[in-house]
Protein backbone atom coordinates (compact mmCIF):
# COMPACT_ATOMS: atom_id res chain seq x y z
CA UNK A 1 0.00 0.00 0.00
CA UNK A 2 1.39 3.40 -0.94
CA UNK A 3 1.33 6.41 1.33
CA UNK A 4 -0.53 9.42 -0.06
CA UNK A 5 1.19 12.67 0.77
CA UNK A 6 -0.68 15.94 1.28
CA UNK A 7 2.04 17.80 -0.58
CA UNK A 8 1.44 15.69 -3.70
CA UNK A 9 -2.09 16.97 -4.31
CA UNK A 10 -2.19 19.97 -6.70
CA UNK A 11 -4.74 21.90 -4.57
CA UNK A 12 -2.83 21.51 -1.30
CA UNK A 13 0.37 23.41 -2.01
CA UNK A 14 2.52 23.89 1.07
CA UNK A 15 0.49 21.57 3.32
CA UNK A 16 3.34 19.07 3.66
CA UNK A 17 4.13 20.90 6.90
CA UNK A 18 0.69 19.90 8.22
CA UNK A 19 1.54 16.26 7.55
CA UNK A 20 4.80 16.57 9.51
CA UNK A 21 2.95 18.19 12.44
CA UNK A 22 0.45 15.30 12.52
CA UNK A 23 3.29 12.80 12.61
CA UNK A 24 4.97 14.71 15.47
CA UNK A 25 1.72 14.77 17.43
CA UNK A 26 1.31 11.01 17.09
CA UNK A 27 4.79 10.29 18.52
CA UNK A 28 5.33 9.75 22.22
CA UNK A 29 1.75 9.16 23.31
CA UNK A 30 2.64 6.87 26.24
CA UNK A 31 0.11 8.27 28.73
CA UNK A 32 2.49 9.59 31.40
CA UNK A 33 1.85 11.98 32.95
CA UNK A 34 -1.92 12.09 32.56
CA UNK A 35 -3.35 15.41 31.38
CA UNK A 36 -6.56 17.32 30.69
CA UNK A 37 -7.24 19.92 28.02
CA UNK A 38 -9.97 22.45 28.75
CA UNK A 39 -11.55 25.06 26.51
CA UNK A 40 -11.82 28.38 28.30
CA UNK A 41 -14.25 30.62 26.43
CA UNK A 42 -13.96 32.48 24.21
CA UNK A 43 -10.38 32.04 22.96
CA UNK A 44 -8.47 30.17 25.63
CA UNK A 45 -7.27 26.69 26.45
CA UNK A 46 -5.75 25.15 29.57
CA UNK A 47 -3.57 22.07 29.64
CA UNK A 48 -3.31 20.50 33.10
CA UNK A 49 -0.75 17.78 33.81
CA UNK A 50 -0.67 15.64 36.97
CA UNK A 51 2.90 16.09 38.20
CA UNK A 52 2.74 14.84 41.79
CA UNK A 53 6.13 15.06 43.47
CA UNK A 54 7.65 17.42 40.89
CA UNK A 55 8.62 20.92 42.00
CA UNK A 56 9.04 24.09 39.95
CA UNK A 57 12.75 23.42 39.50
CA UNK A 58 12.05 19.91 38.17
CA UNK A 59 9.80 21.13 35.32
CA UNK A 60 10.37 23.12 32.14
CA UNK A 61 7.82 24.52 29.70
CA UNK A 62 9.15 25.64 26.31
CA UNK A 63 7.91 26.28 22.79
CA UNK A 64 9.97 24.85 19.98
CA UNK A 65 8.93 25.28 16.36
CA UNK A 66 5.16 25.70 17.03
CA UNK A 67 5.28 22.88 19.54
CA UNK A 68 4.67 23.18 23.30
CA UNK A 69 7.14 20.90 25.10
CA UNK A 70 6.75 20.12 28.80
CA UNK A 71 9.61 18.23 30.44
CA UNK A 72 9.98 16.88 33.93
CA UNK A 73 13.04 15.43 35.62
CA UNK A 74 13.36 14.98 39.35
CA UNK A 75 16.67 15.82 40.94
CA UNK A 76 18.57 12.82 42.24
CA UNK A 77 18.39 12.58 46.01
CA UNK A 78 21.18 11.01 47.99
CA UNK A 79 19.14 9.86 50.97
CA UNK A 80 18.99 6.24 52.07
CA UNK A 81 15.25 5.74 51.86
CA UNK A 82 14.05 2.17 51.48
CA UNK A 83 10.67 1.87 49.79
CA UNK A 84 8.41 -1.05 50.65
CA UNK A 85 6.08 0.08 47.87
CA UNK A 86 6.70 2.83 45.33
CA UNK A 87 3.49 3.75 43.55
CA UNK A 88 4.19 7.42 42.87
CA UNK A 89 5.99 7.67 39.56
CA UNK A 90 9.11 9.80 39.66
CA UNK A 91 10.43 9.07 36.19
CA UNK A 92 11.42 11.74 33.72
CA UNK A 93 8.93 12.67 31.03
CA UNK A 94 8.46 14.80 27.97
CA UNK A 95 4.98 15.70 26.75
CA UNK A 96 4.52 17.62 23.46
CA UNK A 97 1.55 19.45 21.99
CA UNK A 98 1.49 20.91 18.48
CA UNK A 99 0.22 24.50 18.55
CA UNK A 100 -1.85 25.95 15.74
CA UNK A 101 -0.79 29.24 14.20
CA UNK A 102 -2.01 32.07 16.37
CA UNK A 103 -2.03 30.05 19.63
CA UNK A 104 0.40 31.40 22.20
CA UNK A 105 1.36 30.32 25.72
CA UNK A 106 0.17 32.87 28.28
CA UNK A 107 1.40 31.40 31.57
CA UNK A 108 2.28 28.26 33.49
CA UNK A 109 1.69 27.63 37.18
CA UNK A 110 1.93 24.69 39.56
CA UNK A 111 -0.71 24.14 42.22
CA UNK A 112 -1.45 21.09 44.40
CA UNK A 113 0.56 18.70 42.22
CA UNK A 114 -1.00 19.97 38.97
CA UNK A 115 0.83 21.96 36.31
CA UNK A 116 -1.49 24.36 34.49
CA UNK A 117 -0.42 25.83 31.13
CA UNK A 118 -2.73 28.54 29.81
CA UNK A 119 -2.95 29.14 26.07
CA UNK A 120 -4.70 31.87 24.13
CA UNK A 121 -5.72 32.07 20.49
CA UNK A 122 -4.83 35.47 19.08
CA UNK A 123 -7.31 37.06 16.70
CA UNK A 124 -5.98 36.81 13.15
CA UNK A 125 -5.57 40.04 11.25
CA UNK A 126 -7.41 40.18 7.97
CA UNK A 127 -4.85 40.87 5.27
CA UNK A 128 -5.79 41.53 1.67
CA UNK A 129 -2.83 41.75 -0.61
CA UNK A 130 -2.96 42.82 -4.27
CA UNK A 131 -0.29 41.18 -6.39
CA UNK A 132 0.86 43.30 -9.34
CA UNK A 133 0.94 41.56 -12.71
CA UNK A 134 4.03 42.31 -14.72
CA UNK A 135 4.42 42.01 -18.46
CA UNK A 136 7.30 40.06 -20.01
């Protein structure tokens, strides 16, 4: 079976980037840490990740090439704790979300073991451009 590319269709010029974004979004969907995405009317979104045990210094929130990347890595502790049961995950993670054009990160805050990342869709500016036609 052959793969049909969006960039190969004559009416979809330049949409090969959309195909790459869909492939990036499909990667790394392992389920840790769990998260919610809320729509906050009229033009906002909130991503909430359950990051129990992680502190502010253990987390990073960045945007890289229209992609929101949230990373967590707990600092190594040198104490001699012996766990009889360890049910709270403390492993490193990276969670990525592809952002549409015009969606920007407003703020990130941690509260009660939850990391909230607020996003806002900016209103697009209507641009009409007249292209001059030259004669050869």
